[in-house]
Amino acid sequence: FLLVLPGRDKRPVKSLVVGRPILLALEDIDGGPSFLEKALRFLEKYGTKIEGILRQSADVEEVDRRVQEYEQGKVEFDADEDAHVVGDCVKHVLRELPSSPVPASCCTALLEAYSKFSS
């Protein structure tokens, strides 16, 4: 995923947020929490009481704007941010992972276990 930042050279830059493998998506290069980790913590703290969180979609432009703001240095989520936007940021990052965060063999084993014990 490439991103063109406003006010900068028109060459696309590689995103630090979107399109990273899951192990890199959870931790920044410096070892600190990543965008995904911070967004998940925000949802854990503020999103659990929001009706429809992760079901009701936020405006796509708002989600893109928030990712760009993070890329430009606004790396913390404020308590007054729209939880639906943050939730959709999480979904956006997960959709853009280069591979599944859960290996196919694990999914197959879970489905087999479910079918054995749900009968």
N, C-alpha and C. Protein backbone atom coordinates (compact mmCIF):
# COMPACT_ATOMS: atom_id res chain seq x y z
N PHE A 1 0.86 -1.18 0.00
CA PHE A 1 0.00 0.00 0.00
C PHE A 1 0.89 1.23 0.00
N LEU A 2 0.66 2.10 -0.92
CA LEU A 2 1.44 3.32 -1.00
C LEU A 2 0.56 4.50 -0.69
N LEU A 3 1.14 5.52 -0.14
CA LEU A 3 0.40 6.68 0.34
C LEU A 3 1.08 7.93 -0.17
N VAL A 4 0.28 8.88 -0.67
CA VAL A 4 0.83 10.17 -1.06
C VAL A 4 0.42 11.16 0.02
N LEU A 5 1.40 11.74 0.67
CA LEU A 5 1.12 12.68 1.75
C LEU A 5 0.93 14.08 1.17
N PRO A 6 -0.12 14.80 1.61
CA PRO A 6 -0.36 16.13 1.09
C PRO A 6 0.78 17.08 1.44
N GLY A 7 1.04 18.03 0.52
CA GLY A 7 2.06 19.03 0.77
C GLY A 7 3.47 18.53 0.58
N ARG A 8 3.60 17.32 0.14
CA ARG A 8 4.92 16.74 -0.07
C ARG A 8 5.09 16.41 -1.54
N ASP A 9 6.27 15.98 -1.86
CA ASP A 9 6.60 15.46 -3.17
C ASP A 9 5.49 14.49 -3.60
N LYS A 10 5.14 14.44 -4.84
CA LYS A 10 4.03 13.61 -5.30
C LYS A 10 4.39 12.13 -5.44
N ARG A 11 5.65 11.77 -5.10
CA ARG A 11 6.01 10.36 -5.13
C ARG A 11 5.35 9.66 -3.96
N PRO A 12 4.77 8.47 -4.21
CA PRO A 12 4.17 7.72 -3.11
C PRO A 12 5.25 7.22 -2.15
N VAL A 13 4.89 7.15 -0.86
CA VAL A 13 5.80 6.60 0.14
C VAL A 13 5.17 5.34 0.71
N LYS A 14 6.02 4.43 1.16
CA LYS A 14 5.51 3.20 1.73
C LYS A 14 4.88 3.51 3.09
N SER A 15 3.70 2.97 3.31
CA SER A 15 2.97 3.23 4.54
C SER A 15 3.62 2.52 5.73
N LEU A 16 3.66 3.19 6.86
CA LEU A 16 4.14 2.59 8.10
C LEU A 16 3.00 1.90 8.85
N VAL A 17 1.77 2.04 8.33
CA VAL A 17 0.60 1.54 9.03
C VAL A 17 -0.05 0.38 8.28
N VAL A 18 -0.26 0.55 7.00
CA VAL A 18 -1.06 -0.39 6.21
C VAL A 18 -0.16 -1.28 5.36
N GLY A 19 -0.53 -2.57 5.25
CA GLY A 19 0.17 -3.49 4.37
C GLY A 19 1.40 -4.15 4.98
N ARG A 20 1.54 -4.05 6.28
CA ARG A 20 2.68 -4.68 6.97
C ARG A 20 2.29 -6.09 7.42
N PRO A 21 3.24 -7.03 7.46
CA PRO A 21 2.94 -8.35 8.02
C PRO A 21 2.47 -8.22 9.47
N ILE A 22 1.67 -9.15 9.94
CA ILE A 22 1.03 -9.03 11.26
C ILE A 22 2.05 -8.84 12.38
N LEU A 23 3.19 -9.53 12.33
CA LEU A 23 4.17 -9.37 13.40
C LEU A 23 4.74 -7.96 13.42
N LEU A 24 4.85 -7.33 12.27
CA LEU A 24 5.33 -5.95 12.21
C LEU A 24 4.19 -4.97 12.47
N ALA A 25 2.97 -5.39 12.23
CA ALA A 25 1.82 -4.51 12.44
C ALA A 25 1.52 -4.31 13.92
N LEU A 26 2.03 -5.16 14.78
CA LEU A 26 1.76 -5.06 16.21
C LEU A 26 2.81 -4.28 16.98
N GLU A 27 3.99 -4.10 16.37
CA GLU A 27 5.06 -3.40 17.07
C GLU A 27 5.83 -2.53 16.08
N ASP A 28 6.11 -1.30 16.47
CA ASP A 28 6.87 -0.40 15.62
C ASP A 28 8.34 -0.81 15.60
N ILE A 29 9.07 -0.25 14.67
CA ILE A 29 10.49 -0.56 14.50
C ILE A 29 11.27 -0.30 15.77
N ASP A 30 10.88 0.75 16.52
CA ASP A 30 11.60 1.09 17.75
C ASP A 30 11.18 0.23 18.94
N GLY A 31 10.29 -0.74 18.71
CA GLY A 31 9.84 -1.64 19.78
C GLY A 31 8.62 -1.15 20.52
N GLY A 32 8.16 0.07 20.21
CA GLY A 32 6.96 0.62 20.85
C GLY A 32 5.69 0.09 20.22
N PRO A 33 4.57 0.38 20.83
CA PRO A 33 3.31 -0.08 20.27
C PRO A 33 3.03 0.57 18.91
N SER A 34 2.46 -0.19 18.01
CA SER A 34 2.17 0.27 16.66
C SER A 34 0.81 0.95 16.59
N PHE A 35 0.49 1.44 15.41
CA PHE A 35 -0.82 2.00 15.13
C PHE A 35 -1.91 1.01 15.51
N LEU A 36 -1.77 -0.24 15.04
CA LEU A 36 -2.78 -1.26 15.32
C LEU A 36 -2.91 -1.51 16.81
N GLU A 37 -1.80 -1.65 17.49
CA GLU A 37 -1.82 -1.88 18.94
C GLU A 37 -2.50 -0.73 19.68
N LYS A 38 -2.14 0.50 19.32
CA LYS A 38 -2.73 1.67 19.97
C LYS A 38 -4.23 1.77 19.67
N ALA A 39 -4.62 1.47 18.45
CA ALA A 39 -6.04 1.51 18.08
C ALA A 39 -6.82 0.45 18.85
N LEU A 40 -6.25 -0.74 18.98
CA LEU A 40 -6.93 -1.80 19.74
C LEU A 40 -7.06 -1.43 21.22
N ARG A 41 -6.02 -0.82 21.77
CA ARG A 41 -6.09 -0.37 23.17
C ARG A 41 -7.16 0.71 23.35
N PHE A 42 -7.24 1.62 22.37
CA PHE A 42 -8.26 2.66 22.41
C PHE A 42 -9.65 2.01 22.43
N LEU A 43 -9.87 1.05 21.54
CA LEU A 43 -11.18 0.38 21.47
C LEU A 43 -11.49 -0.38 22.75
N GLU A 44 -10.48 -0.98 23.33
CA GLU A 44 -10.67 -1.69 24.60
C GLU A 44 -11.11 -0.73 25.70
N LYS A 45 -10.52 0.45 25.71
CA LYS A 45 -10.82 1.43 26.76
C LYS A 45 -12.09 2.21 26.49
N TYR A 46 -12.29 2.67 25.24
CA TYR A 46 -13.41 3.58 24.94
C TYR A 46 -14.49 2.99 24.04
N GLY A 47 -14.18 1.94 23.31
CA GLY A 47 -15.11 1.44 22.31
C GLY A 47 -16.10 0.40 22.78
N THR A 48 -15.84 -0.22 23.93
CA THR A 48 -16.69 -1.32 24.36
C THR A 48 -18.11 -0.88 24.74
N LYS A 49 -18.27 0.36 25.06
CA LYS A 49 -19.60 0.85 25.43
C LYS A 49 -20.31 1.57 24.28
N ILE A 50 -19.68 1.59 23.11
CA ILE A 50 -20.25 2.25 21.94
C ILE A 50 -21.11 1.27 21.17
N GLU A 51 -22.38 1.61 21.00
CA GLU A 51 -23.28 0.73 20.27
C GLU A 51 -22.83 0.58 18.82
N GLY A 52 -22.80 -0.67 18.37
CA GLY A 52 -22.47 -0.96 16.98
C GLY A 52 -21.01 -0.87 16.63
N ILE A 53 -20.15 -0.81 17.65
CA ILE A 53 -18.72 -0.71 17.36
C ILE A 53 -18.31 -1.92 16.54
N LEU A 54 -17.57 -1.69 15.50
CA LEU A 54 -17.10 -2.66 14.51
C LEU A 54 -18.21 -3.17 13.59
N ARG A 55 -19.45 -2.75 13.79
CA ARG A 55 -20.54 -3.09 12.86
C ARG A 55 -20.93 -1.87 12.04
N GLN A 56 -21.05 -0.73 12.70
CA GLN A 56 -21.41 0.50 11.99
C GLN A 56 -20.14 1.09 11.39
N SER A 57 -20.21 1.35 10.11
CA SER A 57 -19.03 1.87 9.41
C SER A 57 -18.90 3.37 9.59
N ALA A 58 -17.66 3.79 9.63
CA ALA A 58 -17.35 5.23 9.64
C ALA A 58 -17.15 5.68 8.21
N ASP A 59 -17.10 6.97 8.01
CA ASP A 59 -16.84 7.55 6.70
C ASP A 59 -15.43 7.15 6.25
N VAL A 60 -15.32 6.61 5.04
CA VAL A 60 -14.04 6.14 4.50
C VAL A 60 -13.00 7.27 4.48
N GLU A 61 -13.44 8.47 4.15
CA GLU A 61 -12.52 9.62 4.12
C GLU A 61 -11.97 9.93 5.51
N GLU A 62 -12.82 9.77 6.54
CA GLU A 62 -12.37 9.99 7.92
C GLU A 62 -11.31 8.95 8.32
N VAL A 63 -11.52 7.71 7.91
CA VAL A 63 -10.56 6.65 8.21
C VAL A 63 -9.23 6.94 7.51
N ASP A 64 -9.29 7.27 6.23
CA ASP A 64 -8.07 7.61 5.48
C ASP A 64 -7.37 8.81 6.09
N ARG A 65 -8.15 9.82 6.51
CA ARG A 65 -7.57 11.01 7.12
C ARG A 65 -6.85 10.65 8.41
N ARG A 66 -7.45 9.77 9.23
CA ARG A 66 -6.83 9.41 10.51
C ARG A 66 -5.54 8.62 10.31
N VAL A 67 -5.52 7.73 9.31
CA VAL A 67 -4.29 7.00 9.00
C VAL A 67 -3.22 7.97 8.54
N GLN A 68 -3.57 8.92 7.70
CA GLN A 68 -2.61 9.92 7.23
C GLN A 68 -2.09 10.78 8.38
N GLU A 69 -2.98 11.15 9.30
CA GLU A 69 -2.55 11.94 10.46
C GLU A 69 -1.52 11.16 11.28
N TYR A 70 -1.75 9.87 11.44
CA TYR A 70 -0.81 9.03 12.17
C TYR A 70 0.53 9.02 11.46
N GLU A 71 0.49 8.84 10.14
CA GLU A 71 1.71 8.83 9.33
C GLU A 71 2.47 10.15 9.46
N GLN A 72 1.74 11.24 9.69
CA GLN A 72 2.35 12.57 9.77
C GLN A 72 2.72 12.97 11.19
N GLY A 73 2.50 12.10 12.17
CA GLY A 73 2.98 12.39 13.51
C GLY A 73 1.95 12.40 14.62
N LYS A 74 0.66 12.34 14.31
CA LYS A 74 -0.36 12.28 15.38
C LYS A 74 -0.52 10.81 15.76
N VAL A 75 0.41 10.33 16.60
CA VAL A 75 0.53 8.89 16.85
C VAL A 75 -0.20 8.40 18.10
N GLU A 76 -0.94 9.27 18.75
CA GLU A 76 -1.74 8.85 19.90
C GLU A 76 -3.21 9.06 19.58
N PHE A 77 -4.06 8.20 20.13
CA PHE A 77 -5.50 8.35 19.97
C PHE A 77 -6.05 9.08 21.19
N ASP A 78 -6.80 10.14 20.96
CA ASP A 78 -7.38 10.92 22.05
C ASP A 78 -8.71 10.32 22.48
N ALA A 79 -9.06 10.51 23.75
CA ALA A 79 -10.30 9.96 24.29
C ALA A 79 -11.53 10.44 23.54
N ASP A 80 -11.47 11.62 22.94
CA ASP A 80 -12.65 12.17 22.27
C ASP A 80 -12.73 11.80 20.79
N GLU A 81 -11.84 10.93 20.31
CA GLU A 81 -11.91 10.51 18.91
C GLU A 81 -13.13 9.61 18.70
N ASP A 82 -13.61 9.60 17.47
CA ASP A 82 -14.76 8.77 17.10
C ASP A 82 -14.34 7.31 17.10
N ALA A 83 -14.94 6.52 18.00
CA ALA A 83 -14.57 5.11 18.13
C ALA A 83 -14.87 4.33 16.85
N HIS A 84 -15.88 4.75 16.10
CA HIS A 84 -16.19 4.07 14.83
C HIS A 84 -15.07 4.28 13.82
N VAL A 85 -14.47 5.46 13.81
CA VAL A 85 -13.34 5.73 12.91
C VAL A 85 -12.15 4.86 13.32
N VAL A 86 -11.86 4.81 14.61
CA VAL A 86 -10.74 4.00 15.09
C VAL A 86 -11.00 2.52 14.80
N GLY A 87 -12.22 2.06 15.01
CA GLY A 87 -12.57 0.68 14.71
C GLY A 87 -12.39 0.36 13.24
N ASP A 88 -12.80 1.27 12.38
CA ASP A 88 -12.61 1.06 10.95
C ASP A 88 -11.15 1.13 10.55
N CYS A 89 -10.35 1.90 11.28
CA CYS A 89 -8.90 1.90 11.04
C CYS A 89 -8.34 0.50 11.30
N VAL A 90 -8.78 -0.12 12.39
CA VAL A 90 -8.34 -1.48 12.72
C VAL A 90 -8.74 -2.43 11.60
N LYS A 91 -10.01 -2.36 11.17
CA LYS A 91 -10.47 -3.24 10.10
C LYS A 91 -9.68 -3.00 8.82
N HIS A 92 -9.38 -1.76 8.53
CA HIS A 92 -8.62 -1.41 7.33
C HIS A 92 -7.22 -2.04 7.37
N VAL A 93 -6.54 -1.92 8.50
CA VAL A 93 -5.20 -2.49 8.64
C VAL A 93 -5.26 -4.01 8.50
N LEU A 94 -6.25 -4.64 9.13
CA LEU A 94 -6.36 -6.10 9.06
C LEU A 94 -6.67 -6.57 7.63
N ARG A 95 -7.51 -5.83 6.92
CA ARG A 95 -7.83 -6.20 5.53
C ARG A 95 -6.61 -6.11 4.62
N GLU A 96 -5.70 -5.19 4.93
CA GLU A 96 -4.55 -4.95 4.07
C GLU A 96 -3.32 -5.76 4.46
N LEU A 97 -3.47 -6.67 5.43
CA LEU A 97 -2.33 -7.52 5.78
C LEU A 97 -1.93 -8.34 4.56
N PRO A 98 -0.64 -8.51 4.33
CA PRO A 98 -0.20 -9.27 3.16
C PRO A 98 -0.52 -10.76 3.25
N SER A 99 -0.79 -11.26 4.44
CA SER A 99 -1.19 -12.65 4.61
C SER A 99 -2.09 -12.74 5.83
N SER A 100 -2.80 -13.84 5.94
CA SER A 100 -3.73 -14.03 7.05
C SER A 100 -2.98 -14.05 8.38
N PRO A 101 -3.52 -13.37 9.41
CA PRO A 101 -2.87 -13.42 10.72
C PRO A 101 -3.03 -14.79 11.39
N VAL A 102 -3.96 -15.60 10.89
CA VAL A 102 -4.18 -16.95 11.42
C VAL A 102 -3.85 -17.94 10.31
N PRO A 103 -2.86 -18.81 10.52
CA PRO A 103 -2.48 -19.77 9.48
C PRO A 103 -3.64 -20.68 9.11
N ALA A 104 -3.69 -21.08 7.85
CA ALA A 104 -4.77 -21.94 7.34
C ALA A 104 -4.87 -23.23 8.14
N SER A 105 -3.74 -23.80 8.54
CA SER A 105 -3.76 -25.05 9.31
C SER A 105 -4.48 -24.87 10.64
N CYS A 106 -4.32 -23.70 11.24
CA CYS A 106 -5.00 -23.41 12.50
C CYS A 106 -6.50 -23.29 12.28
N CYS A 107 -6.90 -22.62 11.20
CA CYS A 107 -8.32 -22.47 10.88
C CYS A 107 -8.95 -23.83 10.65
N THR A 108 -8.26 -24.69 9.91
CA THR A 108 -8.76 -26.04 9.62
C THR A 108 -8.93 -26.83 10.92
N ALA A 109 -7.94 -26.75 11.79
CA ALA A 109 -8.02 -27.46 13.07
C ALA A 109 -9.18 -26.95 13.92
N LEU A 110 -9.39 -25.64 13.93
CA LEU A 110 -10.51 -25.08 14.70
C LEU A 110 -11.84 -25.55 14.15
N LEU A 111 -11.98 -25.55 12.82
CA LEU A 111 -13.23 -26.02 12.21
C LEU A 111 -13.47 -27.50 12.50
N GLU A 112 -12.44 -28.31 12.43
CA GLU A 112 -12.57 -29.73 12.74
C GLU A 112 -12.98 -29.94 14.20
N ALA A 113 -12.34 -29.20 15.11
CA ALA A 113 -12.67 -29.32 16.53
C ALA A 113 -14.11 -28.89 16.77
N TYR A 114 -14.52 -27.80 16.12
CA TYR A 114 -15.89 -27.31 16.29
C TYR A 114 -16.89 -28.37 15.82
N SER A 115 -16.62 -28.96 14.66
CA SER A 115 -17.58 -29.94 14.11
C SER A 115 -17.65 -31.18 14.99
N LYS A 116 -16.54 -31.60 15.63
CA LYS A 116 -16.53 -32.77 16.52
C LYS A 116 -17.34 -32.51 17.78
N PHE A 117 -17.19 -31.31 18.34
CA PHE A 117 -17.78 -31.03 19.64
C PHE A 117 -19.13 -30.33 19.58
N SER A 118 -19.55 -29.94 18.41
CA SER A 118 -20.85 -29.25 18.31
C SER A 118 -21.98 -30.22 17.98
N SER A 119 -21.67 -31.47 17.74
CA SER A 119 -22.69 -32.47 17.39
C SER A 119 -23.43 -32.96 18.59
